[in-house]
Amino acid sequence: MFAFTLAFPGRRWENYLLPVNGEPMVRMVEKRLLMAKRIEEVYTIIRKGELKKYSFHVSNPVEVKAKNKIEALYKVLPSSGEVFLVEGNMPLLMPFLINYLSTLFYEGDFEALIPSWSDGTLEVTHAFYEAKALKKALETCLAENEKKLSCIANHLDYESVRVEELSKRNPKVTLSFFKVRNSFDRKFAEESMRN
């Protein structure tokens, strides 16, 4: 199974090379993905022209010329197989959670397994997908001129798993969904890694 890390900034403030404990976030994400049992290869989707910057930090950077994350992902996604999708600003990603979710995904008969919060918010960038179904969903999002990745859930037969239910088994699970967006987030991530 392949994992795709989105390190394709949609906004100016998005910096996937921001260091957490002296190491770029995107590298930490790749390392944690490779610790998961079913992840064989990790591809990092980056904006065209940033290969030099990222090639020092990740093993498989893929340059893409695209308007947004939806188009970037659509352009690199394979036509078959299963994929795990994550964003490059989630350095607290838990390999044991990926293992558990992958088991649920393989045991089920659906196009995607997407974690959700009790308010209904879906974590589409922390989910497993059949590549063919995801590619078709992305194509529909592009045709409808959608801007947010969350649109993909509207075009998939997915199963959701509640984050709160998972956290009852292990309270640290919620950290896996934490996104570092600024210096305050970085400080929290660094403190969480120490504990």
N, C-alpha and C. Protein backbone atom coordinates (compact mmCIF):
# COMPACT_ATOMS: atom_id res chain seq x y z
N MET A 1 0.84 -1.19 0.00
CA MET A 1 0.00 0.00 0.00
C MET A 1 0.88 1.25 0.00
N PHE A 2 0.44 2.24 -0.75
CA PHE A 2 1.16 3.51 -0.81
C PHE A 2 0.52 4.54 0.10
N ALA A 3 1.34 5.45 0.59
CA ALA A 3 0.84 6.60 1.33
C ALA A 3 1.20 7.84 0.54
N PHE A 4 0.28 8.78 0.51
CA PHE A 4 0.53 10.06 -0.15
C PHE A 4 0.45 11.16 0.90
N THR A 5 1.54 11.91 1.01
CA THR A 5 1.60 13.02 1.94
C THR A 5 1.43 14.31 1.15
N LEU A 6 0.43 15.07 1.50
CA LEU A 6 0.20 16.36 0.84
C LEU A 6 1.07 17.43 1.49
N ALA A 7 2.06 17.89 0.77
CA ALA A 7 2.90 19.00 1.21
C ALA A 7 2.79 20.09 0.15
N PHE A 8 1.59 20.26 -0.30
CA PHE A 8 1.27 21.20 -1.38
C PHE A 8 0.53 22.37 -0.75
N PRO A 9 1.23 23.48 -0.49
CA PRO A 9 0.59 24.58 0.23
C PRO A 9 -0.57 25.22 -0.54
N GLY A 10 -1.68 25.36 0.14
CA GLY A 10 -2.84 26.02 -0.44
C GLY A 10 -2.90 27.47 0.01
N ARG A 11 -2.22 27.76 1.11
CA ARG A 11 -2.18 29.12 1.67
C ARG A 11 -0.73 29.50 1.95
N ARG A 12 -0.49 30.79 2.00
CA ARG A 12 0.88 31.27 2.20
C ARG A 12 1.52 30.76 3.49
N TRP A 13 0.74 30.68 4.56
CA TRP A 13 1.30 30.32 5.85
C TRP A 13 1.61 28.83 5.98
N GLU A 14 1.18 28.01 5.04
CA GLU A 14 1.44 26.57 5.13
C GLU A 14 2.90 26.28 4.79
N ASN A 15 3.62 25.76 5.78
CA ASN A 15 5.04 25.46 5.61
C ASN A 15 5.31 24.06 6.16
N TYR A 16 5.39 23.11 5.27
CA TYR A 16 5.57 21.71 5.67
C TYR A 16 6.99 21.39 6.08
N LEU A 17 7.90 22.32 5.84
CA LEU A 17 9.29 22.13 6.25
C LEU A 17 9.58 22.77 7.60
N LEU A 18 8.56 23.32 8.24
CA LEU A 18 8.71 23.91 9.57
C LEU A 18 9.31 22.87 10.51
N PRO A 19 10.41 23.20 11.20
CA PRO A 19 11.03 22.21 12.07
C PRO A 19 10.27 22.01 13.39
N VAL A 20 10.11 20.77 13.75
CA VAL A 20 9.56 20.39 15.06
C VAL A 20 10.65 19.55 15.70
N ASN A 21 11.14 20.00 16.84
CA ASN A 21 12.30 19.36 17.49
C ASN A 21 13.48 19.26 16.53
N GLY A 22 13.66 20.29 15.71
CA GLY A 22 14.81 20.37 14.81
C GLY A 22 14.71 19.55 13.54
N GLU A 23 13.55 18.94 13.30
CA GLU A 23 13.37 18.11 12.10
C GLU A 23 12.14 18.59 11.33
N PRO A 24 12.24 18.72 10.00
CA PRO A 24 11.07 19.18 9.23
C PRO A 24 9.86 18.26 9.45
N MET A 25 8.70 18.88 9.63
CA MET A 25 7.47 18.12 9.89
C MET A 25 7.24 17.03 8.87
N VAL A 26 7.42 17.38 7.60
CA VAL A 26 7.11 16.44 6.52
C VAL A 26 8.00 15.20 6.61
N ARG A 27 9.23 15.35 7.06
CA ARG A 27 10.12 14.20 7.25
C ARG A 27 9.61 13.32 8.39
N MET A 28 9.14 13.96 9.46
CA MET A 28 8.60 13.21 10.59
C MET A 28 7.37 12.40 10.17
N VAL A 29 6.54 13.01 9.34
CA VAL A 29 5.35 12.32 8.85
C VAL A 29 5.76 11.10 8.04
N GLU A 30 6.73 11.26 7.15
CA GLU A 30 7.19 10.14 6.33
C GLU A 30 7.74 9.01 7.21
N LYS A 31 8.56 9.34 8.19
CA LYS A 31 9.13 8.33 9.08
C LYS A 31 8.05 7.55 9.81
N ARG A 32 7.05 8.27 10.31
CA ARG A 32 5.97 7.62 11.05
C ARG A 32 5.12 6.73 10.13
N LEU A 33 4.91 7.19 8.91
CA LEU A 33 4.16 6.36 7.95
C LEU A 33 4.89 5.06 7.67
N LEU A 34 6.20 5.14 7.51
CA LEU A 34 6.99 3.95 7.19
C LEU A 34 7.09 2.98 8.36
N MET A 35 6.72 3.43 9.57
CA MET A 35 6.68 2.53 10.73
C MET A 35 5.40 1.69 10.73
N ALA A 36 4.40 2.12 9.98
CA ALA A 36 3.15 1.37 9.90
C ALA A 36 3.37 0.10 9.08
N LYS A 37 2.70 -0.97 9.47
CA LYS A 37 2.94 -2.29 8.86
C LYS A 37 2.61 -2.37 7.38
N ARG A 38 1.52 -1.77 6.94
CA ARG A 38 1.08 -1.96 5.55
C ARG A 38 1.56 -0.87 4.58
N ILE A 39 2.22 0.14 5.06
CA ILE A 39 2.70 1.21 4.19
C ILE A 39 4.07 0.81 3.64
N GLU A 40 4.11 0.60 2.32
CA GLU A 40 5.35 0.16 1.67
C GLU A 40 6.18 1.34 1.15
N GLU A 41 5.48 2.35 0.66
CA GLU A 41 6.16 3.48 0.02
C GLU A 41 5.38 4.75 0.33
N VAL A 42 6.12 5.85 0.52
CA VAL A 42 5.50 7.14 0.80
C VAL A 42 5.89 8.12 -0.29
N TYR A 43 4.91 8.78 -0.88
CA TYR A 43 5.13 9.80 -1.90
C TYR A 43 4.67 11.14 -1.33
N THR A 44 5.51 12.13 -1.45
CA THR A 44 5.19 13.47 -0.94
C THR A 44 4.88 14.38 -2.11
N ILE A 45 3.66 14.89 -2.14
CA ILE A 45 3.20 15.75 -3.23
C ILE A 45 3.58 17.19 -2.92
N ILE A 46 4.40 17.77 -3.81
CA ILE A 46 4.89 19.13 -3.60
C ILE A 46 4.60 19.99 -4.83
N ARG A 47 4.67 21.29 -4.63
CA ARG A 47 4.45 22.24 -5.72
C ARG A 47 5.66 22.23 -6.67
N LYS A 48 5.38 22.37 -7.95
CA LYS A 48 6.44 22.41 -8.97
C LYS A 48 7.43 23.53 -8.63
N GLY A 49 8.71 23.20 -8.73
CA GLY A 49 9.76 24.18 -8.42
C GLY A 49 10.33 24.03 -7.03
N GLU A 50 9.80 23.10 -6.22
CA GLU A 50 10.28 22.93 -4.85
C GLU A 50 11.04 21.62 -4.64
N LEU A 51 11.39 20.96 -5.74
CA LEU A 51 12.06 19.66 -5.64
C LEU A 51 13.38 19.74 -4.89
N LYS A 52 14.15 20.76 -5.18
CA LYS A 52 15.46 20.91 -4.53
C LYS A 52 15.31 21.00 -3.01
N LYS A 53 14.33 21.79 -2.58
CA LYS A 53 14.08 21.97 -1.15
C LYS A 53 13.67 20.67 -0.47
N TYR A 54 12.75 19.96 -1.08
CA TYR A 54 12.17 18.77 -0.44
C TYR A 54 13.02 17.51 -0.60
N SER A 55 13.82 17.43 -1.65
CA SER A 55 14.60 16.21 -1.88
C SER A 55 15.61 15.94 -0.77
N PHE A 56 15.95 16.95 0.02
CA PHE A 56 16.85 16.77 1.16
C PHE A 56 16.13 16.12 2.34
N HIS A 57 14.81 16.19 2.35
CA HIS A 57 14.06 15.79 3.55
C HIS A 57 13.17 14.57 3.39
N VAL A 58 12.71 14.29 2.18
CA VAL A 58 11.83 13.13 1.97
C VAL A 58 12.37 12.27 0.84
N SER A 59 12.01 11.00 0.85
CA SER A 59 12.60 10.08 -0.13
C SER A 59 11.94 10.11 -1.50
N ASN A 60 10.64 10.38 -1.59
CA ASN A 60 9.95 10.36 -2.88
C ASN A 60 9.12 11.63 -3.12
N PRO A 61 9.76 12.78 -3.29
CA PRO A 61 8.96 13.97 -3.59
C PRO A 61 8.44 13.93 -5.03
N VAL A 62 7.19 14.32 -5.20
CA VAL A 62 6.59 14.32 -6.53
C VAL A 62 6.14 15.75 -6.84
N GLU A 63 6.80 16.39 -7.80
CA GLU A 63 6.47 17.76 -8.18
C GLU A 63 5.21 17.78 -9.04
N VAL A 64 4.32 18.73 -8.73
CA VAL A 64 3.08 18.84 -9.50
C VAL A 64 2.78 20.31 -9.76
N LYS A 65 2.38 20.59 -10.98
CA LYS A 65 1.89 21.92 -11.31
C LYS A 65 0.36 21.85 -11.25
N ALA A 66 -0.21 22.53 -10.27
CA ALA A 66 -1.66 22.47 -10.07
C ALA A 66 -2.15 23.73 -9.38
N LYS A 67 -3.46 23.99 -9.50
CA LYS A 67 -4.05 25.18 -8.88
C LYS A 67 -4.31 24.99 -7.39
N ASN A 68 -4.63 23.74 -7.01
CA ASN A 68 -4.97 23.47 -5.62
C ASN A 68 -4.65 22.03 -5.25
N LYS A 69 -4.91 21.67 -4.00
CA LYS A 69 -4.59 20.33 -3.50
C LYS A 69 -5.39 19.25 -4.21
N ILE A 70 -6.63 19.54 -4.57
CA ILE A 70 -7.47 18.57 -5.25
C ILE A 70 -6.85 18.19 -6.59
N GLU A 71 -6.47 19.19 -7.36
CA GLU A 71 -5.87 18.94 -8.67
C GLU A 71 -4.51 18.26 -8.54
N ALA A 72 -3.72 18.67 -7.55
CA ALA A 72 -2.40 18.07 -7.33
C ALA A 72 -2.53 16.58 -7.02
N LEU A 73 -3.43 16.24 -6.13
CA LEU A 73 -3.64 14.85 -5.76
C LEU A 73 -4.16 14.04 -6.95
N TYR A 74 -5.08 14.62 -7.69
CA TYR A 74 -5.65 13.95 -8.86
C TYR A 74 -4.56 13.59 -9.87
N LYS A 75 -3.62 14.50 -10.06
CA LYS A 75 -2.57 14.30 -11.07
C LYS A 75 -1.58 13.18 -10.70
N VAL A 76 -1.37 12.92 -9.42
CA VAL A 76 -0.36 11.92 -9.03
C VAL A 76 -0.94 10.58 -8.58
N LEU A 77 -2.22 10.55 -8.30
CA LEU A 77 -2.84 9.34 -7.76
C LEU A 77 -2.84 8.19 -8.78
N PRO A 78 -2.48 6.98 -8.35
CA PRO A 78 -2.54 5.84 -9.27
C PRO A 78 -4.00 5.47 -9.56
N SER A 79 -4.22 4.69 -10.60
CA SER A 79 -5.57 4.30 -11.00
C SER A 79 -6.09 3.08 -10.26
N SER A 80 -5.21 2.38 -9.55
CA SER A 80 -5.65 1.19 -8.83
C SER A 80 -4.88 1.02 -7.54
N GLY A 81 -5.34 0.10 -6.71
CA GLY A 81 -4.70 -0.16 -5.43
C GLY A 81 -5.38 0.59 -4.30
N GLU A 82 -4.74 0.56 -3.16
CA GLU A 82 -5.26 1.26 -1.98
C GLU A 82 -4.22 2.28 -1.54
N VAL A 83 -4.70 3.41 -1.01
CA VAL A 83 -3.79 4.47 -0.57
C VAL A 83 -4.22 5.03 0.77
N PHE A 84 -3.23 5.50 1.49
CA PHE A 84 -3.49 6.25 2.72
C PHE A 84 -3.11 7.69 2.42
N LEU A 85 -3.99 8.62 2.74
CA LEU A 85 -3.75 10.03 2.47
C LEU A 85 -3.57 10.77 3.79
N VAL A 86 -2.52 11.59 3.85
CA VAL A 86 -2.26 12.38 5.06
C VAL A 86 -1.68 13.72 4.65
N GLU A 87 -1.81 14.69 5.52
CA GLU A 87 -1.23 16.00 5.25
C GLU A 87 0.14 16.08 5.93
N GLY A 88 1.06 16.81 5.31
CA GLY A 88 2.44 16.88 5.78
C GLY A 88 2.68 17.71 7.02
N ASN A 89 1.61 18.22 7.62
CA ASN A 89 1.77 19.01 8.85
C ASN A 89 1.19 18.28 10.07
N MET A 90 1.23 16.95 10.03
CA MET A 90 0.70 16.13 11.13
C MET A 90 1.82 15.28 11.73
N PRO A 91 2.80 15.93 12.41
CA PRO A 91 3.98 15.20 12.89
C PRO A 91 3.70 14.23 14.04
N LEU A 92 2.52 14.28 14.63
CA LEU A 92 2.20 13.39 15.74
C LEU A 92 1.43 12.15 15.27
N LEU A 93 1.42 11.92 13.97
CA LEU A 93 0.77 10.77 13.37
C LEU A 93 1.19 9.48 14.09
N MET A 94 0.23 8.65 14.44
CA MET A 94 0.50 7.44 15.22
C MET A 94 0.50 6.20 14.33
N PRO A 95 1.65 5.53 14.19
CA PRO A 95 1.71 4.31 13.38
C PRO A 95 0.72 3.24 13.83
N PHE A 96 0.52 3.09 15.15
CA PHE A 96 -0.41 2.07 15.63
C PHE A 96 -1.85 2.38 15.19
N LEU A 97 -2.18 3.65 15.06
CA LEU A 97 -3.52 4.03 14.60
C LEU A 97 -3.66 3.70 13.10
N ILE A 98 -2.63 3.96 12.34
CA ILE A 98 -2.65 3.62 10.91
C ILE A 98 -2.84 2.11 10.75
N ASN A 99 -2.13 1.34 11.57
CA ASN A 99 -2.26 -0.13 11.52
C ASN A 99 -3.70 -0.55 11.81
N TYR A 100 -4.28 0.03 12.83
CA TYR A 100 -5.65 -0.32 13.22
C TYR A 100 -6.65 0.07 12.12
N LEU A 101 -6.52 1.29 11.61
CA LEU A 101 -7.43 1.75 10.57
C LEU A 101 -7.29 0.93 9.29
N SER A 102 -6.06 0.53 8.97
CA SER A 102 -5.86 -0.27 7.75
C SER A 102 -6.54 -1.64 7.89
N THR A 103 -6.53 -2.20 9.09
CA THR A 103 -7.21 -3.48 9.32
C THR A 103 -8.72 -3.31 9.11
N LEU A 104 -9.28 -2.25 9.67
CA LEU A 104 -10.72 -1.98 9.48
C LEU A 104 -11.05 -1.78 8.00
N PHE A 105 -10.17 -1.08 7.30
CA PHE A 105 -10.38 -0.82 5.88
C PHE A 105 -10.39 -2.12 5.08
N TYR A 106 -9.42 -2.99 5.34
CA TYR A 106 -9.33 -4.24 4.59
C TYR A 106 -10.48 -5.21 4.93
N GLU A 107 -10.98 -5.12 6.15
CA GLU A 107 -12.08 -6.00 6.56
C GLU A 107 -13.42 -5.53 6.01
N GLY A 108 -13.52 -4.26 5.66
CA GLY A 108 -14.78 -3.69 5.18
C GLY A 108 -14.95 -3.81 3.68
N ASP A 109 -16.14 -3.44 3.25
CA ASP A 109 -16.44 -3.46 1.82
C ASP A 109 -16.94 -2.07 1.40
N PHE A 110 -16.04 -1.11 1.44
CA PHE A 110 -16.38 0.27 1.10
C PHE A 110 -15.18 0.90 0.39
N GLU A 111 -15.43 2.04 -0.25
CA GLU A 111 -14.39 2.71 -1.04
C GLU A 111 -13.40 3.50 -0.19
N ALA A 112 -13.81 3.83 1.03
CA ALA A 112 -12.93 4.62 1.90
C ALA A 112 -13.28 4.41 3.36
N LEU A 113 -12.29 4.60 4.20
CA LEU A 113 -12.49 4.61 5.65
C LEU A 113 -11.97 5.95 6.13
N ILE A 114 -12.90 6.79 6.61
CA ILE A 114 -12.56 8.16 6.98
C ILE A 114 -12.90 8.39 8.45
N PRO A 115 -11.92 8.72 9.28
CA PRO A 115 -12.21 9.05 10.67
C PRO A 115 -13.09 10.31 10.76
N SER A 116 -13.96 10.34 11.77
CA SER A 116 -14.84 11.51 11.95
C SER A 116 -14.93 11.86 13.43
N TRP A 117 -15.25 13.12 13.68
CA TRP A 117 -15.45 13.62 15.04
C TRP A 117 -16.95 13.59 15.35
N SER A 118 -17.29 13.73 16.60
CA SER A 118 -18.70 13.64 17.00
C SER A 118 -19.56 14.73 16.37
N ASP A 119 -18.96 15.86 15.98
CA ASP A 119 -19.73 16.93 15.33
C ASP A 119 -19.93 16.67 13.83
N GLY A 120 -19.42 15.53 13.34
CA GLY A 120 -19.58 15.17 11.93
C GLY A 120 -18.42 15.57 11.04
N THR A 121 -17.45 16.30 11.56
CA THR A 121 -16.28 16.70 10.78
C THR A 121 -15.48 15.47 10.38
N LEU A 122 -15.18 15.38 9.10
CA LEU A 122 -14.42 14.24 8.58
C LEU A 122 -12.94 14.58 8.45
N GLU A 123 -12.09 13.61 8.73
CA GLU A 123 -10.64 13.76 8.58
C GLU A 123 -10.22 13.10 7.27
N VAL A 124 -10.51 13.76 6.15
CA VAL A 124 -10.23 13.17 4.84
C VAL A 124 -8.73 13.04 4.56
N THR A 125 -7.90 13.79 5.30
CA THR A 125 -6.46 13.65 5.14
C THR A 125 -5.86 12.83 6.27
N HIS A 126 -6.58 11.80 6.64
CA HIS A 126 -6.09 10.84 7.63
C HIS A 126 -6.88 9.57 7.39
N ALA A 127 -6.98 9.19 6.10
CA ALA A 127 -7.92 8.15 5.73
C ALA A 127 -7.37 7.19 4.68
N PHE A 128 -8.03 6.04 4.58
CA PHE A 128 -7.69 5.02 3.58
C PHE A 128 -8.70 5.05 2.45
N TYR A 129 -8.21 4.87 1.22
CA TYR A 129 -9.07 4.94 0.04
C TYR A 129 -8.71 3.86 -0.98
N GLU A 130 -9.70 3.42 -1.73
CA GLU A 130 -9.43 2.70 -2.96
C GLU A 130 -9.02 3.78 -3.95
N ALA A 131 -7.87 3.63 -4.57
CA ALA A 131 -7.33 4.68 -5.44
C ALA A 131 -8.29 5.04 -6.58
N LYS A 132 -8.89 4.04 -7.20
CA LYS A 132 -9.79 4.29 -8.33
C LYS A 132 -10.98 5.15 -7.91
N ALA A 133 -11.58 4.82 -6.78
CA ALA A 133 -12.74 5.57 -6.28
C ALA A 133 -12.33 7.00 -5.88
N LEU A 134 -11.17 7.14 -5.25
CA LEU A 134 -10.69 8.46 -4.86
C LEU A 134 -10.42 9.32 -6.09
N LYS A 135 -9.81 8.73 -7.10
CA LYS A 135 -9.51 9.48 -8.33
C LYS A 135 -10.81 9.97 -8.99
N LYS A 136 -11.81 9.11 -9.00
CA LYS A 136 -13.11 9.49 -9.58
C LYS A 136 -13.77 10.61 -8.77
N ALA A 137 -13.67 10.51 -7.44
CA ALA A 137 -14.23 11.55 -6.58
C ALA A 137 -13.52 12.89 -6.80
N LEU A 138 -12.20 12.84 -6.93
CA LEU A 138 -11.42 14.06 -7.19
C LEU A 138 -11.80 14.67 -8.54
N GLU A 139 -12.02 13.82 -9.51
CA GLU A 139 -12.42 14.28 -10.84
C GLU A 139 -13.76 15.02 -10.77
N THR A 140 -14.68 14.48 -9.99
CA THR A 140 -15.99 15.13 -9.80
C THR A 140 -15.82 16.46 -9.08
N CYS A 141 -14.98 16.50 -8.06
CA CYS A 141 -14.72 17.75 -7.33
C CYS A 141 -14.16 18.81 -8.27
N LEU A 142 -13.24 18.41 -9.13
CA LEU A 142 -12.65 19.34 -10.10
C LEU A 142 -13.71 19.85 -11.07
N ALA A 143 -14.57 18.95 -11.53
CA ALA A 143 -15.63 19.33 -12.48
C ALA A 143 -16.62 20.30 -11.85
N GLU A 144 -16.82 20.16 -10.53
CA GLU A 144 -17.74 21.04 -9.80
C GLU A 144 -17.04 22.27 -9.25
N ASN A 145 -15.76 22.45 -9.61
CA ASN A 145 -14.96 23.60 -9.20
C ASN A 145 -14.87 23.75 -7.68
N GLU A 146 -14.77 22.62 -6.99
CA GLU A 146 -14.61 22.62 -5.53
C GLU A 146 -13.20 23.07 -5.17
N LYS A 147 -13.06 23.67 -4.02
CA LYS A 147 -11.76 24.16 -3.57
C LYS A 147 -11.20 23.38 -2.38
N LYS A 148 -12.10 22.74 -1.61
CA LYS A 148 -11.67 22.05 -0.39
C LYS A 148 -11.66 20.55 -0.59
N LEU A 149 -10.64 19.90 -0.02
CA LEU A 149 -10.52 18.45 -0.12
C LEU A 149 -11.69 17.71 0.51
N SER A 150 -12.37 18.33 1.45
CA SER A 150 -13.50 17.67 2.11
C SER A 150 -14.59 17.26 1.13
N CYS A 151 -14.59 17.83 -0.06
CA CYS A 151 -15.60 17.50 -1.07
C CYS A 151 -15.54 16.04 -1.50
N ILE A 152 -14.39 15.40 -1.36
CA ILE A 152 -14.26 14.03 -1.85
C ILE A 152 -15.21 13.07 -1.14
N ALA A 153 -15.51 13.34 0.11
CA ALA A 153 -16.41 12.45 0.87
C ALA A 153 -17.82 12.45 0.27
N ASN A 154 -18.20 13.52 -0.41
CA ASN A 154 -19.53 13.60 -1.01
C ASN A 154 -19.69 12.66 -2.21
N HIS A 155 -18.58 12.15 -2.72
CA HIS A 155 -18.62 11.35 -3.94
C HIS A 155 -18.05 9.94 -3.75
N LEU A 156 -18.06 9.48 -2.51
CA LEU A 156 -17.53 8.16 -2.19
C LEU A 156 -18.50 7.36 -1.33
N ASP A 157 -18.42 6.06 -1.44
CA ASP A 157 -19.13 5.16 -0.52
C ASP A 157 -18.14 4.89 0.61
N TYR A 158 -18.23 5.67 1.67
CA TYR A 158 -17.25 5.55 2.74
C TYR A 158 -17.89 5.10 4.05
N GLU A 159 -17.05 4.56 4.89
CA GLU A 159 -17.41 4.20 6.25
C GLU A 159 -16.63 5.15 7.15
N SER A 160 -17.23 5.58 8.24
CA SER A 160 -16.48 6.44 9.15
C SER A 160 -16.26 5.71 10.47
N VAL A 161 -15.19 6.08 11.12
CA VAL A 161 -14.88 5.55 12.45
C VAL A 161 -14.70 6.76 13.36
N ARG A 162 -15.38 6.74 14.50
CA ARG A 162 -15.38 7.89 15.41
C ARG A 162 -14.05 8.03 16.14
N VAL A 163 -13.46 9.20 16.08
CA VAL A 163 -12.20 9.48 16.75
C VAL A 163 -12.38 9.32 18.26
N GLU A 164 -13.51 9.78 18.78
CA GLU A 164 -13.75 9.71 20.23
C GLU A 164 -13.81 8.26 20.71
N GLU A 165 -14.36 7.38 19.89
CA GLU A 165 -14.41 5.95 20.25
C GLU A 165 -12.99 5.37 20.28
N LEU A 166 -12.19 5.76 19.30
CA LEU A 166 -10.81 5.30 19.25
C LEU A 166 -10.02 5.80 20.45
N SER A 167 -10.30 7.04 20.86
CA SER A 167 -9.54 7.63 21.97
C SER A 167 -9.91 7.00 23.32
N LYS A 168 -11.05 6.32 23.40
CA LYS A 168 -11.40 5.62 24.63
C LYS A 168 -10.42 4.46 24.87
N ARG A 169 -9.94 3.87 23.77
CA ARG A 169 -8.98 2.77 23.88
C ARG A 169 -7.58 3.29 24.18
N ASN A 170 -7.26 4.46 23.58
CA ASN A 170 -5.95 5.07 23.80
C ASN A 170 -6.11 6.58 23.65
N PRO A 171 -6.03 7.32 24.76
CA PRO A 171 -6.24 8.77 24.72
C PRO A 171 -5.29 9.53 23.78
N LYS A 172 -4.13 8.97 23.49
CA LYS A 172 -3.16 9.65 22.63
C LYS A 172 -3.58 9.66 21.16
N VAL A 173 -4.60 8.89 20.82
CA VAL A 173 -5.07 8.80 19.43
C VAL A 173 -5.39 10.18 18.86
N THR A 174 -6.00 11.05 19.65
CA THR A 174 -6.40 12.36 19.14
C THR A 174 -5.20 13.19 18.68
N LEU A 175 -4.02 12.95 19.25
CA LEU A 175 -2.82 13.68 18.83
C LEU A 175 -2.47 13.41 17.37
N SER A 176 -2.83 12.23 16.89
CA SER A 176 -2.54 11.84 15.52
C SER A 176 -3.18 12.79 14.50
N PHE A 177 -4.27 13.44 14.90
CA PHE A 177 -5.01 14.33 14.00
C PHE A 177 -4.59 15.79 14.13
N PHE A 178 -3.63 16.06 15.00
CA PHE A 178 -3.20 17.43 15.26
C PHE A 178 -2.38 17.97 14.10
N LYS A 179 -2.77 19.16 13.62
CA LYS A 179 -2.05 19.80 12.51
C LYS A 179 -1.27 21.01 13.03
N VAL A 180 0.00 21.08 12.66
CA VAL A 180 0.84 22.21 13.05
C VAL A 180 0.69 23.30 12.00
N ARG A 181 0.16 24.43 12.43
CA ARG A 181 -0.07 25.55 11.50
C ARG A 181 0.72 26.81 11.86
N ASN A 182 1.18 26.88 13.12
CA ASN A 182 1.90 28.09 13.56
C ASN A 182 2.87 27.73 14.68
N SER A 183 3.53 28.74 15.23
CA SER A 183 4.54 28.49 16.26
C SER A 183 3.93 27.94 17.56
N PHE A 184 2.68 28.32 17.86
CA PHE A 184 2.02 27.79 19.06
C PHE A 184 1.74 26.29 18.89
N ASP A 185 1.30 25.92 17.71
CA ASP A 185 1.06 24.50 17.40
C ASP A 185 2.37 23.72 17.47
N ARG A 186 3.43 24.32 16.95
CA ARG A 186 4.73 23.65 16.97
C ARG A 186 5.17 23.39 18.40
N LYS A 187 4.99 24.38 19.26
CA LYS A 187 5.38 24.23 20.66
C LYS A 187 4.58 23.09 21.31
N PHE A 188 3.28 23.03 21.03
CA PHE A 188 2.44 21.97 21.57
C PHE A 188 2.92 20.59 21.08
N ALA A 189 3.24 20.50 19.79
CA ALA A 189 3.72 19.24 19.21
C ALA A 189 5.03 18.80 19.88
N GLU A 190 5.93 19.74 20.08
CA GLU A 190 7.21 19.42 20.70
C GLU A 190 7.02 18.94 22.14
N GLU A 191 6.11 19.59 22.88
CA GLU A 191 5.83 19.18 24.26
C GLU A 191 5.18 17.79 24.28
N SER A 192 4.30 17.54 23.33
CA SER A 192 3.62 16.23 23.26
C SER A 192 4.61 15.11 22.98
N MET A 193 5.64 15.39 22.19
CA MET A 193 6.64 14.38 21.88
C MET A 193 7.50 14.05 23.07
N ARG A 194 7.65 14.99 23.98
CA ARG A 194 8.46 14.77 25.19
C ARG A 194 7.72 13.89 26.19
N ASN A 195 6.39 13.96 26.17
CA ASN A 195 5.58 13.22 27.16
C ASN A 195 5.31 11.81 26.75
